[in-house]
C-alpha atoms as a PDB file:
ATOM      1  CA  MET A   1      67.886 118.208  86.259  1.00  0.00           C
ATOM      2  CA  GLN A   2      70.647 117.326  83.917  1.00  0.00           C
ATOM      3  CA  ASN A   3      71.279 120.972  83.024  1.00  0.00           C
ATOM      4  CA  MET A   4      71.591 121.940  86.676  1.00  0.00           C
ATOM      5  CA  LEU A   5      74.014 119.057  87.348  1.00  0.00           C
ATOM      6  CA  MET A   6      76.060 119.959  84.294  1.00  0.00           C
ATOM      7  CA  THR A   7      76.252 123.639  85.480  1.00  0.00           C
ATOM      8  CA  LEU A   8      77.391 122.541  88.947  1.00  0.00           C
ATOM      9  CA  PHE A   9      79.875 120.131  87.424  1.00  0.00           C
ATOM     10  CA  LEU A  10      81.447 122.763  85.239  1.00  0.00           C
ATOM     11  CA  ILE A  11      81.705 125.189  88.171  1.00  0.00           C
ATOM     12  CA  ASP A  12      83.265 122.497  90.231  1.00  0.00           C
ATOM     13  CA  CYS A  13      85.790 121.741  87.481  1.00  0.00           C
ATOM     14  CA  VAL A  14      86.954 125.375  87.412  1.00  0.00           C
ATOM     15  CA  VAL A  15      87.157 125.541  91.207  1.00  0.00           C
ATOM     16  CA  LEU A  16      89.081 122.295  91.286  1.00  0.00           C
ATOM     17  CA  ILE A  17      91.625 123.513  88.745  1.00  0.00           C
ATOM     18  CA  ALA A  18      92.004 126.801  90.689  1.00  0.00           C
ATOM     19  CA  CYS A  19      92.553 124.859  93.959  1.00  0.00           C
ATOM     20  CA  VAL A  20      95.184 122.648  92.457  1.00  0.00           C
ATOM     21  CA  MET A  21      96.986 125.555  90.923  1.00  0.00           C
ATOM     22  CA  MET A  22      96.986 127.560  94.183  1.00  0.00           C
ATOM     23  CA  GLN A  23      98.660 124.848  96.214  1.00  0.00           C
ATOM     24  CA  PRO A  24     102.244 125.626  97.120  1.00  0.00           C
ATOM     25  CA  ALA A  25     105.095 123.512  95.704  1.00  0.00           C
ATOM     26  CA  LYS A  26     106.057 120.467  97.778  1.00  0.00           C
ATOM     27  CA  ASN A  27     109.747 120.415  96.999  1.00  0.00           C
ATOM     28  CA  ASP A  28     112.331 123.134  96.996  1.00  0.00           C
ATOM     29  CA  ASN A  29     115.088 120.999  95.528  1.00  0.00           C
ATOM     30  CA  ASP A  30     116.767 121.300  92.187  1.00  0.00           C
ATOM     31  CA  ALA A  31     116.401 119.078  89.176  1.00  0.00           C
ATOM     32  CA  MET A  32     119.119 116.707  90.465  1.00  0.00           C
ATOM     33  CA  SER A  33     116.739 115.226  93.031  1.00  0.00           C
ATOM     34  CA  ALA A  34     114.447 114.202  90.226  1.00  0.00           C
ATOM     35  CA  LEU A  35     117.242 112.240  88.602  1.00  0.00           C
ATOM     36  CA  THR A  36     118.427 110.587  91.798  1.00  0.00           C
ATOM     37  CA  GLY A  37     114.993 109.859  93.124  1.00  0.00           C
ATOM     38  CA  GLY A  38     114.991 112.356  95.950  1.00  0.00           C
ATOM     39  CA  ALA A  39     115.787 109.780  98.653  1.00  0.00           C
ATOM     40  CA  GLY A  40     116.828 112.537 101.029  1.00  0.00           C
ATOM     41  CA  ASP A  41     113.197 113.693 101.105  1.00  0.00           C
ATOM     42  CA  LEU A  42     111.900 110.368 102.420  1.00  0.00           C
ATOM     43  CA  PHE A  43     111.857 111.269 106.123  1.00  0.00           C
ATOM     44  CA  SER A  44     111.550 115.090 105.779  1.00  0.00           C
ATOM     45  CA  ARG A  45     107.748 115.142 105.482  1.00  0.00           C
ATOM     46  CA  ARG A  46     106.198 117.895 107.441  1.00  0.00           C
ATOM     47  CA  LYS A  47     102.558 118.377 108.417  1.00  0.00           C
ATOM     48  CA  ALA A  48     100.809 121.028 106.370  1.00  0.00           C
ATOM     49  CA  ARG A  49     100.003 124.196 108.258  1.00  0.00           C
ATOM     50  CA  GLY A  50      98.200 127.444 107.522  1.00  0.00           C
ATOM     51  CA  PHE A  51      97.316 128.116 103.900  1.00  0.00           C
ATOM     52  CA  GLU A  52      98.705 124.754 102.715  1.00  0.00           C
ATOM     53  CA  ALA A  53      96.454 122.848 105.101  1.00  0.00           C
ATOM     54  CA  VAL A  54      93.395 124.786 104.066  1.00  0.00           C
ATOM     55  CA  MET A  55      94.122 124.222 100.352  1.00  0.00           C
ATOM     56  CA  GLN A  56      94.539 120.512 100.948  1.00  0.00           C
ATOM     57  CA  ILE A  57      91.161 120.287 102.702  1.00  0.00           C
ATOM     58  CA  VAL A  58      89.427 122.394 100.109  1.00  0.00           C
ATOM     59  CA  THR A  59      90.938 120.371  97.260  1.00  0.00           C
ATOM     60  CA  THR A  60      89.861 117.167  98.847  1.00  0.00           C
ATOM     61  CA  ILE A  61      86.279 118.403  99.281  1.00  0.00           C
ATOM     62  CA  VAL A  62      86.051 119.780  95.744  1.00  0.00           C
ATOM     63  CA  GLY A  63      87.631 116.598  94.292  1.00  0.00           C
ATOM     64  CA  ALA A  64      85.082 114.411  96.119  1.00  0.00           C
ATOM     65  CA  LEU A  65      82.289 116.666  94.890  1.00  0.00           C
ATOM     66  CA  PHE A  66      83.682 116.298  91.358  1.00  0.00           C
ATOM     67  CA  PHE A  67      83.338 112.498  91.507  1.00  0.00           C
ATOM     68  CA  ILE A  68      79.864 112.680  93.113  1.00  0.00           C
ATOM     69  CA  LEU A  69      78.618 115.048  90.439  1.00  0.00           C
ATOM     70  CA  ALA A  70      80.184 112.934  87.705  1.00  0.00           C
ATOM     71  CA  LEU A  71      78.413 109.840  88.964  1.00  0.00           C
ATOM     72  CA  ALA A  72      75.114 111.771  89.306  1.00  0.00           C
ATOM     73  CA  LEU A  73      75.444 112.909  85.702  1.00  0.00           C
ATOM     74  CA  VAL A  74      76.033 109.385  84.466  1.00  0.00           C
ATOM     75  CA  TYR A  75      73.001 108.169  86.423  1.00  0.00           C
ATOM     76  CA  VAL A  76      70.730 110.985  85.146  1.00  0.00           C
ATOM     77  CA  SER A  77      71.851 110.611  81.576  1.00  0.00           C
ATOM     78  CA  ALA A  78      71.300 106.839  81.663  1.00  0.00           C
ATOM     79  CA  HIS A  79      67.654 107.229  82.820  1.00  0.00           C
END
């Protein structure tokens, strides 16, 4: 049981890394906005559409699965 959970956990880790790396960049500003705090971006939030929305949903699901598998591994290894 522990070997199967560990295999699923490792696959989930790789998929989670790929999902995070595939998400498009949120800001198109230069480095100056990082120094000034980017206050101009406060009200310019747009709803994600298309590929960005799909990647947010997939990343959320895979992240939740990551935590569930981690808790299951802790439970199985403790018993």
